[in-house]
Amino acid sequence: NLLKHSCFICWSSPGDTEVIEMDERVLAKAAEIR
């Protein structure tokens, strides 16, 4: 759902950015696994 918002980084908090970065790493790992 976060990906639906194009500018969520502009208003997200540092904690949200960390979660997003973590999710990106998870997606990258998932892509590697695939």
PDB file of all heavy atoms in Angstrom:
ATOM      1  N   ASN A   1       0.839  -1.202   0.000  1.00  0.00           N
ATOM      2  CA  ASN A   1       0.000   0.000   0.000  1.00  0.00           C
ATOM      3  C   ASN A   1       0.870   1.247   0.000  1.00  0.00           C
ATOM      4  O   ASN A   1       0.487   2.268  -0.576  1.00  0.00           O
ATOM      5  CB  ASN A   1      -0.907   0.016   1.219  1.00  0.00           C
ATOM      6  CG  ASN A   1      -1.975  -1.063   1.128  1.00  0.00           C
ATOM      7  OD1 ASN A   1      -2.431  -1.391   0.029  1.00  0.00           O
ATOM      8  ND2 ASN A   1      -2.379  -1.599   2.268  1.00  0.00           N
ATOM      9  N   LEU A   2       2.046   1.158   0.649  1.00  0.00           N
ATOM     10  CA  LEU A   2       2.939   2.319   0.660  1.00  0.00           C
ATOM     11  C   LEU A   2       3.443   2.622  -0.733  1.00  0.00           C
ATOM     12  O   LEU A   2       3.670   3.790  -1.076  1.00  0.00           O
ATOM     13  CB  LEU A   2       4.132   2.060   1.586  1.00  0.00           C
ATOM     14  CG  LEU A   2       3.836   2.037   3.099  1.00  0.00           C
ATOM     15  CD1 LEU A   2       5.090   1.635   3.852  1.00  0.00           C
ATOM     16  CD2 LEU A   2       3.355   3.389   3.581  1.00  0.00           C
ATOM     17  N   LEU A   3       3.626   1.586  -1.518  1.00  0.00           N
ATOM     18  CA  LEU A   3       4.145   1.797  -2.864  1.00  0.00           C
ATOM     19  C   LEU A   3       3.160   2.569  -3.738  1.00  0.00           C
ATOM     20  O   LEU A   3       3.551   3.101  -4.768  1.00  0.00           O
ATOM     21  CB  LEU A   3       4.479   0.451  -3.499  1.00  0.00           C
ATOM     22  CG  LEU A   3       5.625  -0.317  -2.836  1.00  0.00           C
ATOM     23  CD1 LEU A   3       5.802  -1.663  -3.523  1.00  0.00           C
ATOM     24  CD2 LEU A   3       6.920   0.481  -2.859  1.00  0.00           C
ATOM     25  N   LYS A   4       1.892   2.599  -3.329  1.00  0.00           N
ATOM     26  CA  LYS A   4       0.891   3.327  -4.110  1.00  0.00           C
ATOM     27  C   LYS A   4       1.102   4.833  -4.017  1.00  0.00           C
ATOM     28  O   LYS A   4       0.621   5.579  -4.863  1.00  0.00           O
ATOM     29  CB  LYS A   4      -0.507   2.965  -3.649  1.00  0.00           C
ATOM     30  CG  LYS A   4      -0.866   1.508  -3.909  1.00  0.00           C
ATOM     31  CD  LYS A   4      -2.267   1.219  -3.387  1.00  0.00           C
ATOM     32  CE  LYS A   4      -2.620  -0.241  -3.623  1.00  0.00           C
ATOM     33  NZ  LYS A   4      -3.968  -0.566  -3.101  1.00  0.00           N
ATOM     34  N   HIS A   5       1.777   5.296  -2.975  1.00  0.00           N
ATOM     35  CA  HIS A   5       1.993   6.738  -2.757  1.00  0.00           C
ATOM     36  C   HIS A   5       3.337   7.102  -3.318  1.00  0.00           C
ATOM     37  O   HIS A   5       4.371   6.616  -2.857  1.00  0.00           O
ATOM     38  CB  HIS A   5       1.921   7.075  -1.272  1.00  0.00           C
ATOM     39  CG  HIS A   5       0.609   6.660  -0.647  1.00  0.00           C
ATOM     40  ND1 HIS A   5      -0.556   7.399  -0.779  1.00  0.00           N
ATOM     41  CD2 HIS A   5       0.288   5.566   0.085  1.00  0.00           C
ATOM     42  CE1 HIS A   5      -1.531   6.788  -0.135  1.00  0.00           C
ATOM     43  NE2 HIS A   5      -1.050   5.656   0.410  1.00  0.00           N
ATOM     44  N   SER A   6       3.357   7.950  -4.321  1.00  0.00           N
ATOM     45  CA  SER A   6       4.590   8.260  -5.014  1.00  0.00           C
ATOM     46  C   SER A   6       5.526   9.116  -4.200  1.00  0.00           C
ATOM     47  O   SER A   6       6.734   9.060  -4.402  1.00  0.00           O
ATOM     48  CB  SER A   6       4.261   8.949  -6.346  1.00  0.00           C
ATOM     49  OG  SER A   6       3.547  10.139  -6.108  1.00  0.00           O
ATOM     50  N   CYS A   7       5.050   9.896  -3.248  1.00  0.00           N
ATOM     51  CA  CYS A   7       5.904  10.825  -2.505  1.00  0.00           C
ATOM     52  C   CYS A   7       5.876  10.537  -1.016  1.00  0.00           C
ATOM     53  O   CYS A   7       5.944  11.449  -0.194  1.00  0.00           O
ATOM     54  CB  CYS A   7       5.471  12.269  -2.751  1.00  0.00           C
ATOM     55  SG  CYS A   7       5.651  12.795  -4.459  1.00  0.00           S
ATOM     56  N   PHE A   8       5.773   9.246  -0.648  1.00  0.00           N
ATOM     57  CA  PHE A   8       5.654   8.943   0.790  1.00  0.00           C
ATOM     58  C   PHE A   8       6.947   9.237   1.515  1.00  0.00           C
ATOM     59  O   PHE A   8       6.958   9.465   2.703  1.00  0.00           O
ATOM     60  CB  PHE A   8       5.214   7.489   1.013  1.00  0.00           C
ATOM     61  CG  PHE A   8       6.242   6.494   0.596  1.00  0.00           C
ATOM     62  CD1 PHE A   8       7.172   6.028   1.519  1.00  0.00           C
ATOM     63  CD2 PHE A   8       6.294   6.047  -0.712  1.00  0.00           C
ATOM     64  CE1 PHE A   8       8.098   5.096   1.121  1.00  0.00           C
ATOM     65  CE2 PHE A   8       7.228   5.128  -1.084  1.00  0.00           C
ATOM     66  CZ  PHE A   8       8.146   4.651  -0.172  1.00  0.00           C
ATOM     67  N   ILE A   9       8.112   9.211   0.803  1.00  0.00           N
ATOM     68  CA  ILE A   9       9.383   9.504   1.475  1.00  0.00           C
ATOM     69  C   ILE A   9       9.421  10.940   1.968  1.00  0.00           C
ATOM     70  O   ILE A   9      10.035  11.253   2.986  1.00  0.00           O
ATOM     71  CB  ILE A   9      10.556   9.216   0.522  1.00  0.00           C
ATOM     72  CG1 ILE A   9      10.559   7.734   0.160  1.00  0.00           C
ATOM     73  CG2 ILE A   9      11.894   9.631   1.123  1.00  0.00           C
ATOM     74  CD1 ILE A   9      11.633   7.360  -0.835  1.00  0.00           C
ATOM     75  N   CYS A  10       8.691  11.823   1.240  1.00  0.00           N
ATOM     76  CA  CYS A  10       8.716  13.245   1.611  1.00  0.00           C
ATOM     77  C   CYS A  10       8.100  13.483   2.988  1.00  0.00           C
ATOM     78  O   CYS A  10       8.537  14.358   3.728  1.00  0.00           O
ATOM     79  CB  CYS A  10       7.973  14.081   0.566  1.00  0.00           C
ATOM     80  SG  CYS A  10       8.723  13.943  -1.065  1.00  0.00           S
ATOM     81  N   TRP A  11       7.065  12.725   3.352  1.00  0.00           N
ATOM     82  CA  TRP A  11       6.399  12.965   4.627  1.00  0.00           C
ATOM     83  C   TRP A  11       6.606  11.868   5.638  1.00  0.00           C
ATOM     84  O   TRP A  11       6.118  11.921   6.748  1.00  0.00           O
ATOM     85  CB  TRP A  11       4.891  13.160   4.406  1.00  0.00           C
ATOM     86  CG  TRP A  11       4.248  12.070   3.598  1.00  0.00           C
ATOM     87  CD1 TRP A  11       4.040  12.060   2.287  1.00  0.00           C
ATOM     88  CD2 TRP A  11       3.728  10.825   4.111  1.00  0.00           C
ATOM     89  NE1 TRP A  11       3.439  10.909   1.877  1.00  0.00           N
ATOM     90  CE2 TRP A  11       3.211  10.115   3.026  1.00  0.00           C
ATOM     91  CE3 TRP A  11       3.643  10.255   5.406  1.00  0.00           C
ATOM     92  CZ2 TRP A  11       2.635   8.869   3.146  1.00  0.00           C
ATOM     93  CZ3 TRP A  11       3.053   9.033   5.507  1.00  0.00           C
ATOM     94  CH2 TRP A  11       2.564   8.334   4.411  1.00  0.00           C
ATOM     95  N   SER A  12       7.386  10.756   5.231  1.00  0.00           N
ATOM     96  CA  SER A  12       7.574   9.658   6.168  1.00  0.00           C
ATOM     97  C   SER A  12       8.600  10.043   7.219  1.00  0.00           C
ATOM     98  O   SER A  12       9.468  10.885   6.997  1.00  0.00           O
ATOM     99  CB  SER A  12       8.030   8.409   5.421  1.00  0.00           C
ATOM    100  OG  SER A  12       9.277   8.655   4.777  1.00  0.00           O
ATOM    101  N   SER A  13       8.519   9.339   8.347  1.00  0.00           N
ATOM    102  CA  SER A  13       9.438   9.573   9.461  1.00  0.00           C
ATOM    103  C   SER A  13      10.688   8.752   9.267  1.00  0.00           C
ATOM    104  O   SER A  13      10.723   7.858   8.423  1.00  0.00           O
ATOM    105  CB  SER A  13       8.752   9.182  10.770  1.00  0.00           C
ATOM    106  OG  SER A  13       8.495   7.783  10.758  1.00  0.00           O
ATOM    107  N   PRO A  14      11.769   9.004  10.036  1.00  0.00           N
ATOM    108  CA  PRO A  14      12.992   8.173   9.930  1.00  0.00           C
ATOM    109  C   PRO A  14      12.713   6.705  10.174  1.00  0.00           C
ATOM    110  O   PRO A  14      13.309   5.853   9.542  1.00  0.00           O
ATOM    111  CB  PRO A  14      13.898   8.770  11.001  1.00  0.00           C
ATOM    112  CG  PRO A  14      13.448  10.191  11.132  1.00  0.00           C
ATOM    113  CD  PRO A  14      11.968  10.175  10.934  1.00  0.00           C
ATOM    114  N   GLY A  15      11.813   6.385  11.048  1.00  0.00           N
ATOM    115  CA  GLY A  15      11.480   4.981  11.292  1.00  0.00           C
ATOM    116  C   GLY A  15      10.853   4.337  10.078  1.00  0.00           C
ATOM    117  O   GLY A  15      11.126   3.185   9.743  1.00  0.00           O
ATOM    118  N   ASP A  16       9.976   5.113   9.405  1.00  0.00           N
ATOM    119  CA  ASP A  16       9.367   4.591   8.188  1.00  0.00           C
ATOM    120  C   ASP A  16      10.404   4.376   7.100  1.00  0.00           C
ATOM    121  O   ASP A  16      10.335   3.399   6.340  1.00  0.00           O
ATOM    122  CB  ASP A  16       8.293   5.551   7.690  1.00  0.00           C
ATOM    123  CG  ASP A  16       7.126   5.617   8.662  1.00  0.00           C
ATOM    124  OD1 ASP A  16       6.944   4.615   9.398  1.00  0.00           O
ATOM    125  OD2 ASP A  16       6.428   6.624   8.682  1.00  0.00           O
ATOM    126  N   THR A  17      11.359   5.271   6.990  1.00  0.00           N
ATOM    127  CA  THR A  17      12.427   5.119   5.987  1.00  0.00           C
ATOM    128  C   THR A  17      13.223   3.857   6.248  1.00  0.00           C
ATOM    129  O   THR A  17      13.589   3.124   5.324  1.00  0.00           O
ATOM    130  CB  THR A  17      13.355   6.342   6.036  1.00  0.00           C
ATOM    131  OG1 THR A  17      12.572   7.522   5.795  1.00  0.00           O
ATOM    132  CG2 THR A  17      14.444   6.219   4.951  1.00  0.00           C
ATOM    133  N   GLU A  18      13.477   3.590   7.528  1.00  0.00           N
ATOM    134  CA  GLU A  18      14.217   2.378   7.884  1.00  0.00           C
ATOM    135  C   GLU A  18      13.437   1.120   7.493  1.00  0.00           C
ATOM    136  O   GLU A  18      14.007   0.145   6.967  1.00  0.00           O
ATOM    137  CB  GLU A  18      14.492   2.375   9.380  1.00  0.00           C
ATOM    138  CG  GLU A  18      15.314   1.172   9.844  1.00  0.00           C
ATOM    139  CD  GLU A  18      15.580   1.224  11.340  1.00  0.00           C
ATOM    140  OE1 GLU A  18      15.237   2.220  11.981  1.00  0.00           O
ATOM    141  OE2 GLU A  18      16.129   0.225  11.837  1.00  0.00           O
ATOM    142  N   VAL A  19      12.127   1.177   7.719  1.00  0.00           N
ATOM    143  CA  VAL A  19      11.286   0.037   7.338  1.00  0.00           C
ATOM    144  C   VAL A  19      11.294  -0.156   5.825  1.00  0.00           C
ATOM    145  O   VAL A  19      11.393  -1.283   5.314  1.00  0.00           O
ATOM    146  CB  VAL A  19       9.854   0.228   7.852  1.00  0.00           C
ATOM    147  CG1 VAL A  19       8.927  -0.847   7.271  1.00  0.00           C
ATOM    148  CG2 VAL A  19       9.827   0.177   9.367  1.00  0.00           C
ATOM    149  N   ILE A  20      11.235   0.968   5.116  1.00  0.00           N
ATOM    150  CA  ILE A  20      11.234   0.891   3.656  1.00  0.00           C
ATOM    151  C   ILE A  20      12.545   0.316   3.160  1.00  0.00           C
ATOM    152  O   ILE A  20      12.575  -0.544   2.269  1.00  0.00           O
ATOM    153  CB  ILE A  20      10.967   2.276   3.062  1.00  0.00           C
ATOM    154  CG1 ILE A  20       9.525   2.721   3.384  1.00  0.00           C
ATOM    155  CG2 ILE A  20      11.196   2.266   1.546  1.00  0.00           C
ATOM    156  CD1 ILE A  20       9.228   4.141   3.036  1.00  0.00           C
ATOM    157  N   GLU A  21      13.657   0.788   3.734  1.00  0.00           N
ATOM    158  CA  GLU A  21      14.958   0.260   3.337  1.00  0.00           C
ATOM    159  C   GLU A  21      15.049  -1.238   3.651  1.00  0.00           C
ATOM    160  O   GLU A  21      15.601  -2.021   2.872  1.00  0.00           O
ATOM    161  CB  GLU A  21      16.073   1.021   4.039  1.00  0.00           C
ATOM    162  CG  GLU A  21      16.204   2.460   3.552  1.00  0.00           C
ATOM    163  CD  GLU A  21      17.267   3.219   4.332  1.00  0.00           C
ATOM    164  OE1 GLU A  21      17.785   2.623   5.315  1.00  0.00           O
ATOM    165  OE2 GLU A  21      17.584   4.360   3.962  1.00  0.00           O
ATOM    166  N   MET A  22      14.498  -1.607   4.820  1.00  0.00           N
ATOM    167  CA  MET A  22      14.502  -3.021   5.187  1.00  0.00           C
ATOM    168  C   MET A  22      13.669  -3.838   4.200  1.00  0.00           C
ATOM    169  O   MET A  22      14.080  -4.924   3.760  1.00  0.00           O
ATOM    170  CB  MET A  22      13.949  -3.192   6.598  1.00  0.00           C
ATOM    171  CG  MET A  22      13.931  -4.635   7.082  1.00  0.00           C
ATOM    172  SD  MET A  22      15.604  -5.316   7.289  1.00  0.00           S
ATOM    173  CE  MET A  22      16.130  -4.364   8.722  1.00  0.00           C
ATOM    174  N   ASP A  23      12.505  -3.288   3.821  1.00  0.00           N
ATOM    175  CA  ASP A  23      11.662  -3.989   2.860  1.00  0.00           C
ATOM    176  C   ASP A  23      12.339  -4.094   1.504  1.00  0.00           C
ATOM    177  O   ASP A  23      12.201  -5.096   0.810  1.00  0.00           O
ATOM    178  CB  ASP A  23      10.325  -3.259   2.721  1.00  0.00           C
ATOM    179  CG  ASP A  23       9.453  -3.479   3.949  1.00  0.00           C
ATOM    180  OD1 ASP A  23       9.730  -4.454   4.680  1.00  0.00           O
ATOM    181  OD2 ASP A  23       8.517  -2.711   4.163  1.00  0.00           O
ATOM    182  N   GLU A  24      13.084  -3.031   1.129  1.00  0.00           N
ATOM    183  CA  GLU A  24      13.812  -3.096  -0.147  1.00  0.00           C
ATOM    184  C   GLU A  24      14.870  -4.185  -0.121  1.00  0.00           C
ATOM    185  O   GLU A  24      15.062  -4.913  -1.101  1.00  0.00           O
ATOM    186  CB  GLU A  24      14.441  -1.732  -0.441  1.00  0.00           C
ATOM    187  CG  GLU A  24      13.417  -0.670  -0.819  1.00  0.00           C
ATOM    188  CD  GLU A  24      14.057   0.676  -1.050  1.00  0.00           C
ATOM    189  OE1 GLU A  24      15.268   0.801  -0.730  1.00  0.00           O
ATOM    190  OE2 GLU A  24      13.379   1.583  -1.536  1.00  0.00           O
ATOM    191  N   ARG A  25      15.560  -4.286   1.028  1.00  0.00           N
ATOM    192  CA  ARG A  25      16.561  -5.355   1.150  1.00  0.00           C
ATOM    193  C   ARG A  25      15.890  -6.725   1.104  1.00  0.00           C
ATOM    194  O   ARG A  25      16.417  -7.685   0.505  1.00  0.00           O
ATOM    195  CB  ARG A  25      17.351  -5.187   2.458  1.00  0.00           C
ATOM    196  CG  ARG A  25      18.307  -4.008   2.433  1.00  0.00           C
ATOM    197  CD  ARG A  25      19.332  -4.132   3.537  1.00  0.00           C
ATOM    198  NE  ARG A  25      18.744  -4.101   4.857  1.00  0.00           N
ATOM    199  CZ  ARG A  25      18.479  -3.006   5.543  1.00  0.00           C
ATOM    200  NH1 ARG A  25      18.761  -1.809   5.030  1.00  0.00           N
ATOM    201  NH2 ARG A  25      17.954  -3.073   6.733  1.00  0.00           N
ATOM    202  N   VAL A  26      14.701  -6.822   1.733  1.00  0.00           N
ATOM    203  CA  VAL A  26      13.970  -8.087   1.703  1.00  0.00           C
ATOM    204  C   VAL A  26      13.574  -8.439   0.261  1.00  0.00           C
ATOM    205  O   VAL A  26      13.705  -9.586  -0.191  1.00  0.00           O
ATOM    206  CB  VAL A  26      12.733  -8.027   2.609  1.00  0.00           C
ATOM    207  CG1 VAL A  26      11.826  -9.234   2.371  1.00  0.00           C
ATOM    208  CG2 VAL A  26      13.141  -7.967   4.073  1.00  0.00           C
ATOM    209  N   LEU A  27      13.103  -7.412  -0.465  1.00  0.00           N
ATOM    210  CA  LEU A  27      12.724  -7.644  -1.855  1.00  0.00           C
ATOM    211  C   LEU A  27      13.933  -8.059  -2.692  1.00  0.00           C
ATOM    212  O   LEU A  27      13.841  -8.935  -3.550  1.00  0.00           O
ATOM    213  CB  LEU A  27      12.086  -6.381  -2.444  1.00  0.00           C
ATOM    214  CG  LEU A  27      10.698  -6.031  -1.911  1.00  0.00           C
ATOM    215  CD1 LEU A  27      10.241  -4.682  -2.477  1.00  0.00           C
ATOM    216  CD2 LEU A  27       9.683  -7.108  -2.281  1.00  0.00           C
ATOM    217  N   ALA A  28      15.075  -7.401  -2.405  1.00  0.00           N
ATOM    218  CA  ALA A  28      16.294  -7.756  -3.134  1.00  0.00           C
ATOM    219  C   ALA A  28      16.699  -9.189  -2.833  1.00  0.00           C
ATOM    220  O   ALA A  28      17.070  -9.953  -3.738  1.00  0.00           O
ATOM    221  CB  ALA A  28      17.426  -6.789  -2.767  1.00  0.00           C
ATOM    222  N   LYS A  29      16.624  -9.560  -1.542  1.00  0.00           N
ATOM    223  CA  LYS A  29      16.953 -10.941  -1.188  1.00  0.00           C
ATOM    224  C   LYS A  29      15.973 -11.924  -1.829  1.00  0.00           C
ATOM    225  O   LYS A  29      16.366 -13.007  -2.277  1.00  0.00           O
ATOM    226  CB  LYS A  29      16.946 -11.110   0.338  1.00  0.00           C
ATOM    227  CG  LYS A  29      18.083 -10.408   1.056  1.00  0.00           C
ATOM    228  CD  LYS A  29      19.422 -11.019   0.687  1.00  0.00           C
ATOM    229  CE  LYS A  29      20.570 -10.346   1.430  1.00  0.00           C
ATOM    230  NZ  LYS A  29      21.874 -10.890   1.034  1.00  0.00           N
ATOM    231  N   ALA A  30      14.702 -11.531  -1.827  1.00  0.00           N
ATOM    232  CA  ALA A  30      13.705 -12.396  -2.449  1.00  0.00           C
ATOM    233  C   ALA A  30      13.976 -12.557  -3.937  1.00  0.00           C
ATOM    234  O   ALA A  30      13.840 -13.648  -4.502  1.00  0.00           O
ATOM    235  CB  ALA A  30      12.300 -11.829  -2.221  1.00  0.00           C
ATOM    236  N   ALA A  31      14.401 -11.444  -4.582  1.00  0.00           N
ATOM    237  CA  ALA A  31      14.740 -11.525  -6.005  1.00  0.00           C
ATOM    238  C   ALA A  31      15.947 -12.438  -6.205  1.00  0.00           C
ATOM    239  O   ALA A  31      15.988 -13.232  -7.153  1.00  0.00           O
ATOM    240  CB  ALA A  31      15.027 -10.122  -6.552  1.00  0.00           C
ATOM    241  N   GLU A  32      16.944 -12.301  -5.295  1.00  0.00           N
ATOM    242  CA  GLU A  32      18.106 -13.183  -5.395  1.00  0.00           C
ATOM    243  C   GLU A  32      17.701 -14.641  -5.234  1.00  0.00           C
ATOM    244  O   GLU A  32      18.196 -15.534  -5.945  1.00  0.00           O
ATOM    245  CB  GLU A  32      19.134 -12.804  -4.332  1.00  0.00           C
ATOM    246  CG  GLU A  32      19.831 -11.479  -4.578  1.00  0.00           C
ATOM    247  CD  GLU A  32      20.839 -11.163  -3.489  1.00  0.00           C
ATOM    248  OE1 GLU A  32      21.062 -12.042  -2.634  1.00  0.00           O
ATOM    249  OE2 GLU A  32      21.403 -10.064  -3.481  1.00  0.00           O
ATOM    250  N   ILE A  33      16.777 -14.863  -4.265  1.00  0.00           N
ATOM    251  CA  ILE A  33      16.316 -16.242  -4.031  1.00  0.00           C
ATOM    252  C   ILE A  33      15.596 -16.762  -5.262  1.00  0.00           C
ATOM    253  O   ILE A  33      15.781 -17.912  -5.676  1.00  0.00           O
ATOM    254  CB  ILE A  33      15.406 -16.295  -2.786  1.00  0.00           C
ATOM    255  CG1 ILE A  33      16.246 -16.065  -1.522  1.00  0.00           C
ATOM    256  CG2 ILE A  33      14.676 -17.634  -2.711  1.00  0.00           C
ATOM    257  CD1 ILE A  33      15.440 -15.904  -0.266  1.00  0.00           C
ATOM    258  N   ARG A  34      14.760 -15.886  -5.881  1.00  0.00           N
ATOM    259  CA  ARG A  34      14.069 -16.320  -7.089  1.00  0.00           C
ATOM    260  C   ARG A  34      15.065 -16.640  -8.197  1.00  0.00           C
ATOM    261  O   ARG A  34      14.903 -17.622  -8.918  1.00  0.00           O
ATOM    262  CB  ARG A  34      13.078 -15.236  -7.554  1.00  0.00           C
ATOM    263  CG  ARG A  34      11.778 -15.199  -6.759  1.00  0.00           C
ATOM    264  CD  ARG A  34      10.726 -14.388  -7.484  1.00  0.00           C
ATOM    265  NE  ARG A  34      11.139 -13.002  -7.670  1.00  0.00           N
ATOM    266  CZ  ARG A  34      10.941 -12.029  -6.794  1.00  0.00           C
ATOM    267  NH1 ARG A  34      10.326 -12.302  -5.647  1.00  0.00           N
ATOM    268  NH2 ARG A  34      11.347 -10.799  -7.048  1.00  0.00           N
TER     269      ARG A  34
END
